Amino acid sequence: MHNLTTKQIRPGDIFVSNWGYSMTLASFYEVAKVSASGKTVTYRALRKLALGPEDAAGSVKVMPVAGEYEGAPRSRRLKVYDGRAFFTPAHHENAYLWDGTAQTENHYD
């Protein structure tokens, strides 16, 4: 995927954003629609599920729950940086195409 372009994004693709500073969170988003130009995605936030209890440091692995959405659909422009497509769901997040692996969250500040 080194030469990924925005036109290769399809409905059903999942993006993930890992954000925060001392407390880190993962947010998952599913693409519902891609514009005809391939420059804009309509997406929905996905609910996530912890794969076990938090460890002593407050870390836990999380995965998205397919088909379980949070909030209304939103649209954002797709961008490409260093061959990776992404969009910005919020000013503090960049969501990149998810590789299917569990993401680590740390809930202690």
Protein backbone atom coordinates (compact mmCIF):
# COMPACT_ATOMS: atom_id res chain seq x y z
CA MET A 1 0.00 0.00 0.00
CA HIS A 2 2.91 2.38 -0.47
CA ASN A 3 1.22 4.08 -3.41
CA LEU A 4 -2.31 4.20 -2.02
CA THR A 5 -4.50 6.86 -3.58
CA THR A 6 -7.85 8.19 -2.43
CA LYS A 7 -9.55 6.41 -5.38
CA GLN A 8 -8.69 3.03 -3.81
CA ILE A 9 -10.88 3.69 -0.75
CA ARG A 10 -14.21 1.83 -0.83
CA PRO A 11 -17.37 1.65 1.29
CA GLY A 12 -16.79 -0.78 4.14
CA ASP A 13 -13.14 0.20 4.61
CA ILE A 14 -12.29 0.92 8.24
CA PHE A 15 -10.02 3.73 9.37
CA VAL A 16 -8.45 4.11 12.81
CA SER A 17 -7.19 7.12 14.70
CA ASN A 18 -4.86 6.77 17.69
CA TRP A 19 -4.86 10.02 19.58
CA GLY A 20 -4.12 11.62 22.91
CA TYR A 21 -1.01 12.44 24.86
CA SER A 22 -0.50 10.71 28.19
CA MET A 23 -3.90 9.03 27.86
CA THR A 24 -4.19 7.45 24.40
CA LEU A 25 -7.40 6.36 22.73
CA ALA A 26 -8.32 4.60 19.50
CA SER A 27 -11.31 5.61 17.39
CA PHE A 28 -12.60 3.50 14.49
CA TYR A 29 -14.55 4.76 11.47
CA GLU A 30 -16.28 2.85 8.67
CA VAL A 31 -16.57 4.38 5.21
CA ALA A 32 -20.21 4.47 4.10
CA LYS A 33 -19.75 6.28 0.79
CA VAL A 34 -16.99 7.67 -1.40
CA SER A 35 -17.72 10.62 -3.67
CA ALA A 36 -17.56 10.16 -7.44
CA SER A 37 -14.31 12.13 -7.49
CA GLY A 38 -12.83 9.91 -4.77
CA LYS A 39 -11.90 12.99 -2.75
CA THR A 40 -14.54 12.84 0.00
CA VAL A 41 -15.74 10.07 2.29
CA THR A 42 -18.92 9.79 4.28
CA TYR A 43 -18.18 7.73 7.39
CA ARG A 44 -19.64 6.60 10.72
CA ALA A 45 -17.88 6.09 14.02
CA LEU A 46 -17.84 2.46 15.13
CA ARG A 47 -18.34 1.25 18.66
CA LYS A 48 -15.27 -0.50 20.05
CA LEU A 49 -14.87 -3.51 22.30
CA ALA A 50 -12.14 -4.14 24.87
CA LEU A 51 -10.49 -7.54 24.37
CA GLY A 52 -9.81 -8.01 28.07
CA PRO A 53 -9.43 -6.11 31.31
CA GLU A 54 -7.01 -3.24 31.67
CA ASP A 55 -3.54 -4.23 32.78
CA ALA A 56 -1.81 -2.63 35.78
CA ALA A 57 -0.65 0.28 33.62
CA GLY A 58 -4.21 0.99 32.41
CA SER A 59 -3.67 -0.38 28.91
CA VAL A 60 -6.19 -2.46 27.04
CA LYS A 61 -6.49 -3.77 23.46
CA VAL A 62 -9.59 -2.69 21.52
CA MET A 63 -11.24 -3.70 18.24
CA PRO A 64 -14.14 -2.14 16.29
CA VAL A 65 -17.58 -3.73 16.40
CA ALA A 66 -18.82 -4.14 12.83
CA GLY A 67 -22.25 -2.62 12.17
CA GLU A 68 -22.53 -0.91 15.58
CA TYR A 69 -22.35 2.82 14.97
CA GLU A 70 -22.08 5.85 17.22
CA GLY A 71 -23.50 9.13 16.03
CA ALA A 72 -24.66 10.36 12.67
CA PRO A 73 -22.74 9.98 9.40
CA ARG A 74 -20.24 12.75 8.63
CA SER A 75 -18.22 13.68 5.57
CA ARG A 76 -14.57 14.70 5.26
CA ARG A 77 -12.03 15.26 2.52
CA LEU A 78 -9.56 12.46 1.96
CA LYS A 79 -5.90 13.39 1.90
CA VAL A 80 -2.75 11.42 1.11
CA TYR A 81 0.48 11.79 3.04
CA ASP A 82 3.52 9.64 2.35
CA GLY A 83 1.38 7.26 0.29
CA ARG A 84 -1.23 6.80 3.04
CA ALA A 85 -4.83 7.97 2.67
CA PHE A 86 -6.35 9.65 5.72
CA PHE A 87 -9.06 12.03 6.86
CA THR A 88 -9.47 14.26 9.89
CA PRO A 89 -12.59 13.34 11.92
CA ALA A 90 -11.75 16.05 14.51
CA HIS A 91 -9.05 18.69 14.82
CA HIS A 92 -6.99 16.41 17.11
CA GLU A 93 -7.28 13.23 14.99
CA ASN A 94 -6.00 11.80 11.73
CA ALA A 95 -7.66 8.51 10.77
CA TYR A 96 -5.66 6.12 8.56
CA LEU A 97 -6.73 2.90 6.84
CA TRP A 98 -6.85 0.22 9.55
CA ASP A 99 -4.60 -2.83 9.18
CA GLY A 100 -6.94 -5.16 11.10
CA THR A 101 -4.87 -5.38 14.30
CA ALA A 102 -6.07 -4.68 17.83
CA GLN A 103 -5.19 -1.17 18.98
CA THR A 104 -3.79 -0.30 22.40
CA GLU A 105 -5.49 2.29 24.58
CA ASN A 106 -4.04 3.66 27.79
CA HIS A 107 -6.66 5.08 30.14
CA TYR A 108 -4.42 6.50 32.86
CA ASP A 109 -3.27 10.07 32.65
